[in-house]
Protein backbone atom coordinates (compact mmCIF):
# COMPACT_ATOMS: atom_id res chain seq x y z
CA MET A 1 -22.26 34.13 137.62
CA GLY A 2 -23.70 30.73 136.72
CA HIS A 3 -20.43 29.32 135.38
CA ILE A 4 -18.55 30.68 138.38
CA ARG A 5 -20.93 29.00 140.81
CA GLU A 6 -20.65 25.71 138.93
CA LEU A 7 -16.86 25.75 138.97
CA ALA A 8 -16.11 27.33 142.34
CA LYS A 9 -19.05 25.99 144.37
CA LYS A 10 -20.31 22.78 142.78
CA VAL A 11 -16.98 21.47 141.46
CA GLY A 12 -14.95 23.35 144.07
CA ILE A 13 -11.18 23.18 144.47
CA ARG A 14 -9.54 22.35 141.13
CA VAL A 15 -5.85 21.67 141.79
CA ARG A 16 -3.98 20.66 138.67
CA ALA A 17 -3.93 16.96 137.79
CA THR A 18 -6.64 16.14 140.35
CA THR A 19 -10.22 14.95 140.13
CA GLY A 20 -11.41 18.50 140.79
CA GLU A 21 -9.62 19.89 137.75
CA ARG A 22 -10.88 17.00 135.62
CA LYS A 23 -14.46 17.68 136.70
CA GLY A 24 -14.02 21.35 135.86
CA ALA A 25 -12.70 20.44 132.42
CA LYS A 26 -15.65 18.11 131.84
CA TYR A 27 -18.11 20.89 132.68
CA ILE A 28 -16.36 23.39 130.41
CA ALA A 29 -16.15 20.92 127.52
CA PHE A 30 -19.87 20.19 127.82
CA GLU A 31 -20.72 23.90 127.71
CA PHE A 32 -18.62 24.43 124.57
CA GLU A 33 -20.16 21.41 122.88
CA GLU A 34 -23.69 22.58 123.69
CA LEU A 35 -22.88 25.80 121.82
CA GLY A 36 -21.87 23.86 118.70
CA TYR A 37 -18.08 24.00 118.96
CA ASP A 38 -15.73 21.15 118.11
CA VAL A 39 -13.97 20.35 121.38
CA MET A 40 -10.54 18.80 121.80
CA ILE A 41 -9.11 17.71 125.14
CA GLN A 42 -5.35 18.24 125.06
CA LYS A 43 -3.84 16.06 127.80
CA PHE A 44 -0.37 16.34 129.30
CA SER A 45 1.52 14.98 132.30
CA VAL A 46 2.25 17.04 135.39
CA ASP A 47 2.90 16.29 139.07
CA GLY A 48 2.76 12.56 138.42
CA GLY A 49 -0.76 12.84 137.01
CA THR A 50 -2.69 14.17 134.03
CA SER A 51 -3.91 17.69 133.40
CA ARG A 52 -5.58 18.97 130.27
CA ASN A 53 -6.52 21.95 128.15
CA VAL A 54 -10.06 22.25 126.79
CA ARG A 55 -9.94 23.68 123.27
CA ALA A 56 -13.07 24.84 121.42
CA ARG A 57 -13.11 25.61 117.70
CA TRP A 58 -16.02 26.52 115.46
CA PRO A 59 -16.33 24.29 112.37
CA GLY A 60 -14.46 25.88 109.45
CA ILE A 61 -12.23 28.05 111.64
CA VAL A 62 -9.11 29.58 110.09
CA LYS A 63 -5.94 27.51 110.30
CA ARG A 64 -4.15 29.86 112.71
CA PRO A 65 -6.79 31.46 114.93
CA PHE A 66 -6.49 34.04 117.65
CA VAL A 67 -6.73 32.54 121.16
CA VAL A 68 -8.95 33.77 123.98
CA GLY A 69 -8.34 31.73 127.10
CA GLY A 70 -8.27 31.49 130.85
CA HIS A 71 -7.04 28.87 133.28
CA MET A 72 -9.50 26.57 135.04
CA ASP A 73 -7.36 25.24 137.88
CA SER A 74 -7.10 26.66 141.39
CA VAL A 75 -4.57 26.40 144.22
CA PRO A 76 -4.97 23.90 147.08
CA GLY A 77 -7.57 24.96 149.61
CA SER A 78 -9.15 27.62 147.37
CA PRO A 79 -12.36 27.24 145.36
CA GLY A 80 -10.90 29.73 142.88
CA ALA A 81 -13.92 31.91 142.12
CA ASN A 82 -11.96 34.96 141.02
CA ASP A 83 -8.80 32.96 140.30
CA ASN A 84 -9.94 31.84 137.87
CA ALA A 85 -13.52 30.72 137.42
CA SER A 86 -14.18 34.38 136.61
CA GLY A 87 -11.90 34.28 133.57
CA VAL A 88 -13.34 30.98 132.36
CA ALA A 89 -16.85 32.43 132.71
CA VAL A 90 -15.90 35.31 130.41
CA VAL A 91 -14.38 32.88 127.89
CA LEU A 92 -17.54 30.75 127.89
CA GLU A 93 -19.75 33.81 127.53
CA MET A 94 -17.73 35.05 124.54
CA ALA A 95 -18.03 31.59 122.98
CA ARG A 96 -21.81 31.79 123.44
CA ILE A 97 -22.13 35.30 122.02
CA TYR A 98 -20.03 34.59 118.93
CA ALA A 99 -21.16 31.05 118.12
CA GLY A 100 -21.90 30.90 114.40
CA THR A 101 -20.57 34.39 113.66
CA GLU A 102 -17.59 35.59 111.63
CA GLN A 103 -15.58 35.98 114.85
CA ALA A 104 -16.12 32.30 115.70
CA GLY A 105 -14.15 31.50 112.57
CA LEU A 106 -11.23 33.60 113.79
CA VAL A 107 -11.02 32.74 117.50
CA GLU A 108 -10.20 29.57 119.41
CA PHE A 109 -11.51 29.50 122.98
CA VAL A 110 -9.36 27.65 125.51
CA ALA A 111 -9.58 26.69 129.18
CA PHE A 112 -6.01 25.99 130.24
CA GLY A 113 -5.06 23.43 132.87
CA ALA A 114 -2.16 23.59 135.31
CA GLU A 115 -1.59 27.34 135.32
CA GLU A 116 -0.94 27.49 139.06
CA PHE A 117 2.33 26.37 140.64
CA GLY A 118 2.57 22.64 141.32
CA THR A 119 4.61 20.40 143.56
CA ASP A 120 7.57 20.59 141.20
CA GLY A 121 7.71 24.39 141.29
CA THR A 122 6.52 24.91 137.71
CA HIS A 123 3.55 26.90 136.46
CA HIS A 124 1.73 27.79 133.23
CA ILE A 125 2.17 24.20 132.07
CA GLY A 126 -1.07 23.95 130.10
CA SER A 127 -0.37 27.05 128.04
CA GLN A 128 3.25 25.95 127.62
CA ARG A 129 2.13 22.60 126.20
CA PHE A 130 -0.38 24.37 123.98
CA VAL A 131 2.35 26.58 122.53
CA GLU A 132 4.80 23.69 122.10
CA ARG A 133 2.22 21.66 120.19
CA LEU A 134 1.60 24.47 117.74
CA GLY A 135 4.90 23.49 116.14
CA LYS A 136 7.53 25.84 114.79
CA LYS A 137 5.42 27.03 111.85
CA GLY A 138 2.32 27.36 113.99
CA ARG A 139 4.13 29.51 116.53
CA LYS A 140 5.46 31.74 113.78
CA ARG A 141 2.02 32.19 112.22
CA SER A 142 -0.04 32.45 115.41
CA PRO A 143 -1.62 35.93 115.53
CA GLY A 144 -1.79 36.20 119.32
CA MET A 145 -3.79 35.58 122.46
CA ILE A 146 -5.59 37.12 125.42
CA SER A 147 -5.41 35.58 128.88
CA VAL A 148 -8.45 36.47 131.00
CA ASP A 149 -7.35 35.89 134.59
CA MET A 150 -8.70 37.19 137.94
CA ILE A 151 -11.01 39.83 136.50
CA ALA A 152 -13.97 40.18 138.87
CA ASP A 153 -12.70 41.94 141.98
CA GLY A 154 -10.90 45.21 141.38
CA LYS A 155 -10.63 48.30 139.23
CA PRO A 156 -9.46 49.68 136.93
CA LEU A 157 -9.17 46.82 134.47
CA ILE A 158 -5.50 46.18 133.80
CA ILE A 159 -4.33 45.34 130.30
CA GLY A 160 -0.72 44.47 129.69
CA THR A 161 1.99 41.95 128.97
CA ALA A 162 4.66 40.10 130.88
CA GLY A 163 7.23 42.32 129.19
CA ILE A 164 8.66 39.37 127.27
CA GLY A 165 7.09 39.28 123.82
CA PRO A 166 5.53 41.57 121.21
CA GLU A 167 3.07 44.10 122.64
CA VAL A 168 0.95 44.63 119.53
CA VAL A 169 -2.09 42.71 120.81
CA ALA A 170 -2.08 44.23 124.30
CA LYS A 171 -1.59 47.76 123.00
CA THR A 172 -4.30 47.28 120.38
CA VAL A 173 -6.77 46.04 123.00
CA PHE A 174 -5.90 48.96 125.27
CA ARG A 175 -6.23 51.59 122.53
CA LYS A 176 -9.50 50.19 121.20
CA LEU A 177 -11.07 50.08 124.65
CA ARG A 178 -9.94 53.62 125.43
CA LYS A 179 -11.34 54.84 122.13
CA ASN A 180 -14.54 52.83 121.79
CA THR A 181 -15.76 52.31 125.37
CA GLU A 182 -16.06 54.09 128.69
CA ILE A 183 -14.39 51.24 130.57
CA ASN A 184 -11.68 52.43 132.94
CA VAL A 185 -8.52 50.66 131.75
CA VAL A 186 -4.82 51.07 132.40
CA TYR A 187 -1.82 49.64 130.56
CA ARG A 188 0.84 47.89 132.58
CA THR A 189 3.81 45.57 132.25
CA THR A 190 3.11 42.85 134.80
CA CYS A 191 4.95 39.84 136.13
CA ASP A 192 5.06 36.58 134.18
CA CYS A 193 1.95 35.57 136.10
CA SER A 194 -0.61 34.25 133.61
CA ASP A 195 -0.98 32.10 130.51
CA ASN A 196 0.15 34.85 128.17
CA GLY A 197 3.70 34.17 129.41
CA PRO A 198 4.44 31.02 127.36
CA PHE A 199 2.99 32.65 124.25
CA GLU A 200 5.18 35.73 124.72
CA ARG A 201 8.29 33.62 125.29
CA ALA A 202 7.59 31.94 121.95
CA GLY A 203 7.40 35.33 120.21
CA ILE A 204 3.60 35.30 119.98
CA PRO A 205 1.86 38.56 120.94
CA GLY A 206 0.02 38.12 124.22
CA ALA A 207 -2.20 40.23 126.45
CA PHE A 208 -3.18 39.82 130.09
CA LEU A 209 -6.54 41.11 131.38
CA TRP A 210 -6.53 41.37 135.17
CA SER A 211 -8.40 43.27 137.89
CA GLY A 212 -5.41 43.41 140.23
CA THR A 213 -4.57 42.02 143.64
CA GLU A 214 -7.40 41.41 146.12
CA PRO A 215 -7.74 40.06 149.68
CA ASP A 216 -9.21 36.66 148.76
CA TYR A 217 -6.36 35.73 146.42
CA HIS A 218 -5.33 32.07 146.79
CA SER A 219 -7.39 31.66 149.92
CA PRO A 220 -10.45 29.65 151.06
CA SER A 221 -12.44 32.89 150.87
CA ASP A 222 -12.10 33.12 147.08
CA LYS A 223 -15.80 32.34 146.73
CA PRO A 224 -18.53 33.58 144.35
CA ALA A 225 -20.07 35.70 147.12
CA ASN A 226 -16.90 37.78 147.34
CA LEU A 227 -16.83 38.77 143.68
CA ASN A 228 -18.04 42.04 142.23
CA ARG A 229 -20.67 41.35 139.56
CA ASP A 230 -20.15 44.76 137.99
CA HIS A 231 -16.44 44.07 137.55
CA LEU A 232 -17.21 40.70 135.98
CA ARG A 233 -19.63 42.30 133.52
CA ARG A 234 -17.14 45.09 132.79
CA THR A 235 -14.50 42.57 131.75
CA GLY A 236 -16.98 40.73 129.58
CA ARG A 237 -17.85 44.01 127.86
CA ALA A 238 -14.16 44.72 127.35
CA VAL A 239 -13.40 41.40 125.69
CA ARG A 240 -16.53 41.68 123.57
CA ALA A 241 -15.62 45.20 122.45
CA PHE A 242 -12.30 43.88 121.18
CA LEU A 243 -13.73 40.79 119.50
CA GLU A 244 -16.36 42.91 117.75
CA ILE A 245 -13.64 44.61 115.71
CA LEU A 246 -11.41 41.57 115.22
CA ASP A 247 -11.16 40.60 111.57
CA SER A 248 -8.77 38.84 109.18
CA ASP A 249 -6.91 42.08 108.44
CA MET A 250 -6.19 42.59 112.12
CA LEU A 251 -4.97 39.00 112.46
CA ALA A 252 -2.63 39.57 109.53
CA ARG A 253 -1.26 42.69 111.24
CA PHE A 254 -0.71 40.78 114.47
CA ARG A 255 1.21 38.09 112.59
CA LYS A 256 3.68 40.71 111.41
CA ARG A 257 4.42 41.29 115.11
């Protein structure tokens, strides 16, 4: 809960291309750097200002890593504890657990900016810029990604896709969790409502981890006190269970789509 409190309470509202989002990015970058990751701030223009993605890579990482990410911005008026400081907290915790391990050489951890809708009616801009800057060859060789978004207030844990791109990553995550854990998970085709969307549209396998709709969504009451700690831990265990079995052979299979 520490990262959630820092982002949703201390930093507070983190609307894209605002000081709040920039402060959130600074906090996240510092946490990655403290763990030993090489951090790159990927800036882009939106809503007449600047947003950014925070990308963390372990030294010596493979050229085309798997991506585990979550968006750091929130909507106006909402401190964004569940949406989506919760997802960022899981991403940071996975980066901590796997720092210096074999998995750190296979996974890039990303906090995306500008996922929420802006004044121009667009959304998922940070992940879209990330995908665009992979280049044609990079998009073709990218093994896939998981978007961890709104995961600490609801059950069962939903795993799925936007129904746009290859399902191999989402179905693999679902099957492995059903087989190897006791976590209550369901598979679902969702809306194009998280950062897996731009990856899927580019033909890259994506997965969306989500705990479903909840009453504090996009409201001032989306505060740390209204989260379910057990659901947060459950999602962390789910992502960890998948990353534990991730290896170069699995990445090669994902690249075949």
